[in-house]
């Protein structure tokens, strides 16, 4: 007869998993990336677009694509402007609502 070996470990470290070792470069790069993201988001939030009153129409062109899921409000604005593909362009009339929508999709378009 063969002896049955128990797979359960007896000891203090039985339930603890060893954390993976992370090098110092990882923390430096992670800190740099997070600080750059915070700066970028701050610039986008506080960016004020000054448009002269003489401008009545805008030429809007899609310049960037999105990898992965896109926020639903951004996707809806781009669909309403018919900017579904890269390098599509439209001419739109100026309004306060249009300026607000264009500022929301600013990373994906130029105008």
N, C-alpha and C. Protein backbone atom coordinates (compact mmCIF):
# COMPACT_ATOMS: atom_id res chain seq x y z
N UNK A 1 0.82 -1.17 0.00
CA UNK A 1 0.00 0.00 0.00
C UNK A 1 0.87 1.24 0.00
N UNK A 2 0.42 2.21 -0.80
CA UNK A 2 1.14 3.46 -0.84
C UNK A 2 0.57 4.41 0.21
N UNK A 3 1.45 5.20 0.74
CA UNK A 3 1.02 6.17 1.73
C UNK A 3 0.45 7.39 1.02
N UNK A 4 -0.63 7.91 1.55
CA UNK A 4 -1.27 9.09 0.98
C UNK A 4 -0.62 10.32 1.60
N UNK A 5 -0.12 11.20 0.72
CA UNK A 5 0.55 12.40 1.19
C UNK A 5 -0.46 13.54 1.21
N UNK A 6 -0.49 14.24 2.30
CA UNK A 6 -1.41 15.36 2.44
C UNK A 6 -0.85 16.57 1.69
N UNK A 7 -1.74 17.26 0.95
CA UNK A 7 -1.30 18.42 0.18
C UNK A 7 -1.36 19.70 1.01
N UNK A 8 -1.93 19.62 2.18
CA UNK A 8 -2.03 20.80 3.02
C UNK A 8 -0.71 21.01 3.75
N UNK A 9 -0.32 22.26 3.80
CA UNK A 9 0.92 22.61 4.47
C UNK A 9 0.62 22.96 5.91
N UNK A 10 1.49 22.54 6.78
CA UNK A 10 1.31 22.88 8.19
C UNK A 10 2.39 23.86 8.56
N UNK A 11 1.98 25.02 8.93
CA UNK A 11 2.96 26.04 9.31
C UNK A 11 2.32 27.42 9.26
N UNK A 12 3.12 28.42 9.66
CA UNK A 12 2.61 29.78 9.72
C UNK A 12 2.43 30.39 8.33
N UNK A 13 3.24 30.03 7.36
CA UNK A 13 3.23 30.65 6.04
C UNK A 13 2.30 29.95 5.05
N UNK A 14 1.45 29.09 5.52
CA UNK A 14 0.61 28.31 4.62
C UNK A 14 -0.36 29.18 3.84
N UNK A 15 -0.96 30.20 4.44
CA UNK A 15 -1.96 31.02 3.79
C UNK A 15 -1.41 32.24 3.07
N UNK A 16 -0.14 32.55 3.27
CA UNK A 16 0.43 33.77 2.69
C UNK A 16 1.09 33.47 1.36
N UNK A 17 0.79 34.34 0.38
CA UNK A 17 1.45 34.23 -0.92
C UNK A 17 2.59 35.23 -0.94
N UNK A 18 3.68 34.85 -1.56
CA UNK A 18 4.84 35.73 -1.62
C UNK A 18 4.59 36.83 -2.64
N UNK A 19 4.80 38.07 -2.25
CA UNK A 19 4.60 39.21 -3.15
C UNK A 19 5.74 39.24 -4.16
N UNK A 20 5.43 39.59 -5.42
CA UNK A 20 6.50 39.64 -6.43
C UNK A 20 7.45 40.80 -6.13
N UNK A 21 8.71 40.58 -6.45
CA UNK A 21 9.73 41.60 -6.23
C UNK A 21 9.63 42.66 -7.31
N UNK A 22 9.63 43.93 -6.92
CA UNK A 22 9.57 45.03 -7.88
C UNK A 22 10.84 45.85 -7.74
N UNK A 23 11.44 46.12 -8.85
CA UNK A 23 12.67 46.90 -8.85
C UNK A 23 12.38 48.38 -8.64
N UNK A 24 13.39 49.13 -8.28
CA UNK A 24 13.23 50.56 -8.02
C UNK A 24 12.82 51.30 -9.28
N UNK A 25 13.28 50.85 -10.45
CA UNK A 25 12.94 51.51 -11.71
C UNK A 25 11.44 51.49 -11.95
N UNK A 26 10.78 50.43 -11.52
CA UNK A 26 9.34 50.33 -11.68
C UNK A 26 8.64 51.47 -10.94
N UNK A 27 9.06 51.73 -9.71
CA UNK A 27 8.42 52.77 -8.91
C UNK A 27 8.71 54.16 -9.47
N UNK A 28 9.93 54.36 -9.98
CA UNK A 28 10.28 55.65 -10.57
C UNK A 28 9.43 55.90 -11.81
N UNK A 29 9.31 54.90 -12.69
CA UNK A 29 8.51 55.04 -13.91
C UNK A 29 7.03 55.22 -13.58
N UNK A 30 6.53 54.50 -12.62
CA UNK A 30 5.12 54.61 -12.23
C UNK A 30 4.82 56.00 -11.68
N UNK A 31 5.72 56.52 -10.87
CA UNK A 31 5.54 57.86 -10.32
C UNK A 31 5.58 58.90 -11.43
N UNK A 32 6.49 58.74 -12.38
CA UNK A 32 6.59 59.69 -13.50
C UNK A 32 5.31 59.65 -14.34
N UNK A 33 4.82 58.45 -14.65
CA UNK A 33 3.60 58.32 -15.46
C UNK A 33 2.41 58.93 -14.76
N UNK A 34 2.27 58.68 -13.47
CA UNK A 34 1.12 59.22 -12.74
C UNK A 34 1.20 60.74 -12.64
N UNK A 35 2.40 61.29 -12.44
CA UNK A 35 2.51 62.75 -12.37
C UNK A 35 2.21 63.39 -13.72
N UNK A 36 2.64 62.76 -14.81
CA UNK A 36 2.34 63.29 -16.13
C UNK A 36 0.85 63.22 -16.43
N UNK A 37 0.19 62.14 -16.00
CA UNK A 37 -1.26 62.03 -16.19
C UNK A 37 -2.01 63.11 -15.42
N UNK A 38 -1.57 63.39 -14.20
CA UNK A 38 -2.21 64.42 -13.39
C UNK A 38 -2.05 65.78 -14.05
N UNK A 39 -0.86 66.07 -14.58
CA UNK A 39 -0.63 67.34 -15.26
C UNK A 39 -1.49 67.44 -16.52
N UNK A 40 -1.57 66.35 -17.29
CA UNK A 40 -2.34 66.36 -18.53
C UNK A 40 -3.82 66.59 -18.25
N UNK A 41 -4.36 65.91 -17.26
CA UNK A 41 -5.76 66.07 -16.92
C UNK A 41 -6.03 67.48 -16.40
N UNK A 42 -5.09 68.03 -15.63
CA UNK A 42 -5.25 69.40 -15.14
C UNK A 42 -5.28 70.40 -16.28
N UNK A 43 -4.44 70.20 -17.30
CA UNK A 43 -4.45 71.10 -18.45
C UNK A 43 -5.76 71.01 -19.20
N UNK A 44 -6.29 69.79 -19.35
CA UNK A 44 -7.54 69.62 -20.09
C UNK A 44 -8.72 70.23 -19.33
N UNK A 45 -8.73 70.12 -18.03
CA UNK A 45 -9.86 70.63 -17.25
C UNK A 45 -9.90 72.15 -17.26
N UNK A 46 -8.75 72.79 -17.15
CA UNK A 46 -8.71 74.24 -17.01
C UNK A 46 -8.45 74.96 -18.32
N UNK A 47 -8.53 74.23 -19.40
CA UNK A 47 -8.27 74.85 -20.69
C UNK A 47 -9.49 75.67 -21.11
N UNK A 48 -9.27 76.95 -21.35
CA UNK A 48 -10.34 77.84 -21.76
C UNK A 48 -10.12 78.19 -23.22
N UNK A 49 -11.13 77.94 -24.03
CA UNK A 49 -11.04 78.22 -25.45
C UNK A 49 -11.61 79.60 -25.70
N UNK A 50 -10.79 80.49 -26.26
CA UNK A 50 -11.24 81.84 -26.58
C UNK A 50 -11.45 81.92 -28.09
N UNK A 51 -12.69 82.14 -28.47
CA UNK A 51 -13.06 82.18 -29.89
C UNK A 51 -13.56 83.57 -30.20
N UNK A 52 -13.02 84.20 -31.24
CA UNK A 52 -13.52 85.54 -31.60
C UNK A 52 -14.99 85.50 -32.01
N UNK A 53 -15.69 86.59 -31.78
CA UNK A 53 -17.11 86.67 -32.11
C UNK A 53 -17.36 86.63 -33.61
N UNK A 54 -16.35 86.99 -34.40
CA UNK A 54 -16.54 87.01 -35.86
C UNK A 54 -16.60 85.62 -36.47
N UNK A 55 -16.17 84.59 -35.73
CA UNK A 55 -16.17 83.22 -36.25
C UNK A 55 -17.56 82.63 -36.05
N UNK A 56 -18.20 82.21 -37.15
CA UNK A 56 -19.55 81.65 -37.08
C UNK A 56 -19.61 80.17 -37.41
N UNK A 57 -18.60 79.64 -38.08
CA UNK A 57 -18.58 78.22 -38.42
C UNK A 57 -17.22 77.64 -38.05
N UNK A 58 -17.21 76.32 -37.83
CA UNK A 58 -15.98 75.60 -37.50
C UNK A 58 -15.77 74.48 -38.50
N UNK A 59 -14.52 74.25 -38.84
CA UNK A 59 -14.13 73.08 -39.61
C UNK A 59 -13.55 72.10 -38.61
N UNK A 60 -14.20 70.94 -38.44
CA UNK A 60 -13.81 69.96 -37.43
C UNK A 60 -13.31 68.71 -38.14
N UNK A 61 -12.14 68.20 -37.70
CA UNK A 61 -11.56 67.02 -38.33
C UNK A 61 -11.12 66.03 -37.26
N UNK A 62 -11.41 64.77 -37.48
CA UNK A 62 -11.01 63.70 -36.57
C UNK A 62 -9.56 63.36 -36.82
N UNK A 63 -8.72 63.43 -35.78
CA UNK A 63 -7.29 63.21 -35.96
C UNK A 63 -6.75 62.03 -35.16
N UNK A 64 -7.53 61.46 -34.27
CA UNK A 64 -7.01 60.38 -33.42
C UNK A 64 -8.05 59.29 -33.27
N UNK A 65 -7.55 58.08 -33.09
CA UNK A 65 -8.42 56.94 -32.81
C UNK A 65 -8.24 56.54 -31.36
N UNK A 66 -9.08 55.65 -30.90
CA UNK A 66 -9.05 55.22 -29.51
C UNK A 66 -8.76 53.73 -29.48
N UNK A 67 -7.81 53.36 -28.65
CA UNK A 67 -7.56 51.94 -28.44
C UNK A 67 -8.31 51.53 -27.19
N UNK A 68 -9.16 50.54 -27.34
CA UNK A 68 -9.95 50.10 -26.21
C UNK A 68 -11.28 50.83 -26.17
N UNK A 69 -12.00 50.69 -25.06
CA UNK A 69 -13.33 51.30 -24.97
C UNK A 69 -13.25 52.82 -24.88
N UNK A 70 -14.21 53.47 -25.52
CA UNK A 70 -14.31 54.93 -25.51
C UNK A 70 -15.45 55.32 -24.59
N UNK A 71 -15.30 56.43 -23.86
CA UNK A 71 -16.43 56.89 -23.03
C UNK A 71 -17.67 57.11 -23.89
N UNK A 72 -18.82 56.76 -23.34
CA UNK A 72 -20.06 56.78 -24.12
C UNK A 72 -20.42 58.18 -24.59
N UNK A 73 -20.23 59.20 -23.74
CA UNK A 73 -20.58 60.56 -24.16
C UNK A 73 -19.69 61.05 -25.30
N UNK A 74 -18.42 60.68 -25.28
CA UNK A 74 -17.50 61.05 -26.37
C UNK A 74 -17.92 60.35 -27.66
N UNK A 75 -18.26 59.07 -27.55
CA UNK A 75 -18.68 58.31 -28.73
C UNK A 75 -19.95 58.91 -29.35
N UNK A 76 -20.90 59.30 -28.50
CA UNK A 76 -22.16 59.88 -29.00
C UNK A 76 -21.91 61.22 -29.69
N UNK A 77 -21.04 62.05 -29.14
CA UNK A 77 -20.74 63.34 -29.76
C UNK A 77 -20.08 63.13 -31.12
N UNK A 78 -19.12 62.21 -31.19
CA UNK A 78 -18.46 61.95 -32.47
C UNK A 78 -19.43 61.38 -33.50
N UNK A 79 -20.36 60.54 -33.05
CA UNK A 79 -21.36 60.01 -33.98
C UNK A 79 -22.31 61.10 -34.45
N UNK A 80 -22.70 61.99 -33.57
CA UNK A 80 -23.61 63.07 -33.99
C UNK A 80 -22.93 64.03 -34.96
N UNK A 81 -21.61 64.16 -34.85
CA UNK A 81 -20.86 65.00 -35.79
C UNK A 81 -20.45 64.24 -37.05
N UNK A 82 -20.78 62.95 -37.11
CA UNK A 82 -20.40 62.08 -38.22
C UNK A 82 -18.89 62.00 -38.40
N UNK A 83 -18.21 61.89 -37.29
CA UNK A 83 -16.75 61.74 -37.29
C UNK A 83 -16.39 60.34 -36.79
N UNK A 84 -16.90 59.33 -37.49
CA UNK A 84 -16.71 57.95 -37.04
C UNK A 84 -15.36 57.38 -37.42
N UNK A 85 -14.74 57.92 -38.45
CA UNK A 85 -13.46 57.38 -38.92
C UNK A 85 -12.39 58.46 -38.86
N UNK A 86 -11.16 58.01 -38.90
CA UNK A 86 -10.02 58.91 -38.90
C UNK A 86 -10.02 59.73 -40.18
N UNK A 87 -9.65 61.01 -40.08
CA UNK A 87 -9.56 61.96 -41.18
C UNK A 87 -10.91 62.35 -41.78
N UNK A 88 -12.01 62.07 -41.12
CA UNK A 88 -13.29 62.61 -41.54
C UNK A 88 -13.37 64.06 -41.09
N UNK A 89 -14.10 64.87 -41.85
CA UNK A 89 -14.22 66.28 -41.51
C UNK A 89 -15.64 66.76 -41.76
N UNK A 90 -16.06 67.75 -40.96
CA UNK A 90 -17.39 68.37 -41.11
C UNK A 90 -17.26 69.86 -40.85
N UNK A 91 -18.24 70.60 -41.32
CA UNK A 91 -18.35 72.02 -41.02
C UNK A 91 -19.60 72.20 -40.18
N UNK A 92 -19.44 72.85 -39.01
CA UNK A 92 -20.56 73.02 -38.09
C UNK A 92 -20.72 74.49 -37.75
N UNK A 93 -21.96 74.87 -37.38
CA UNK A 93 -22.23 76.24 -36.98
C UNK A 93 -21.84 76.45 -35.52
N UNK A 94 -21.50 77.67 -35.21
CA UNK A 94 -21.10 78.01 -33.86
C UNK A 94 -22.33 78.13 -32.95
N UNK A 95 -22.22 77.53 -31.78
CA UNK A 95 -23.19 77.70 -30.70
C UNK A 95 -22.48 77.34 -29.40
N UNK A 96 -23.06 77.76 -28.31
CA UNK A 96 -22.44 77.46 -27.01
C UNK A 96 -22.39 75.95 -26.75
N UNK A 97 -23.46 75.27 -27.13
CA UNK A 97 -23.51 73.82 -26.95
C UNK A 97 -22.46 73.12 -27.82
N UNK A 98 -22.27 73.61 -29.05
CA UNK A 98 -21.29 73.01 -29.94
C UNK A 98 -19.87 73.21 -29.41
N UNK A 99 -19.58 74.38 -28.88
CA UNK A 99 -18.26 74.65 -28.31
C UNK A 99 -18.00 73.74 -27.12
N UNK A 100 -19.03 73.53 -26.30
CA UNK A 100 -18.90 72.63 -25.15
C UNK A 100 -18.64 71.20 -25.61
N UNK A 101 -19.38 70.73 -26.62
CA UNK A 101 -19.18 69.38 -27.14
C UNK A 101 -17.81 69.21 -27.76
N UNK A 102 -17.36 70.21 -28.50
CA UNK A 102 -16.05 70.12 -29.13
C UNK A 102 -14.94 70.11 -28.10
N UNK A 103 -15.10 70.82 -27.01
CA UNK A 103 -14.07 70.79 -25.97
C UNK A 103 -14.04 69.43 -25.26
N UNK A 104 -15.18 68.73 -25.22
CA UNK A 104 -15.19 67.40 -24.60
C UNK A 104 -14.44 66.37 -25.43
N UNK A 105 -14.50 66.50 -26.76
CA UNK A 105 -13.84 65.53 -27.63
C UNK A 105 -12.53 66.08 -28.20
N UNK A 106 -11.98 67.08 -27.53
CA UNK A 106 -10.75 67.75 -27.97
C UNK A 106 -9.57 66.80 -28.23
N UNK A 107 -9.35 65.74 -27.44
CA UNK A 107 -8.20 64.87 -27.71
C UNK A 107 -8.31 64.11 -29.05
N UNK A 108 -9.53 64.00 -29.60
CA UNK A 108 -9.71 63.19 -30.80
C UNK A 108 -9.90 64.03 -32.06
N UNK A 109 -10.07 65.34 -31.92
CA UNK A 109 -10.36 66.18 -33.08
C UNK A 109 -9.46 67.41 -33.07
N UNK A 110 -9.47 68.10 -34.19
CA UNK A 110 -8.91 69.45 -34.27
C UNK A 110 -9.94 70.33 -34.94
N UNK A 111 -9.96 71.62 -34.55
CA UNK A 111 -10.96 72.53 -35.11
C UNK A 111 -10.46 73.94 -35.12
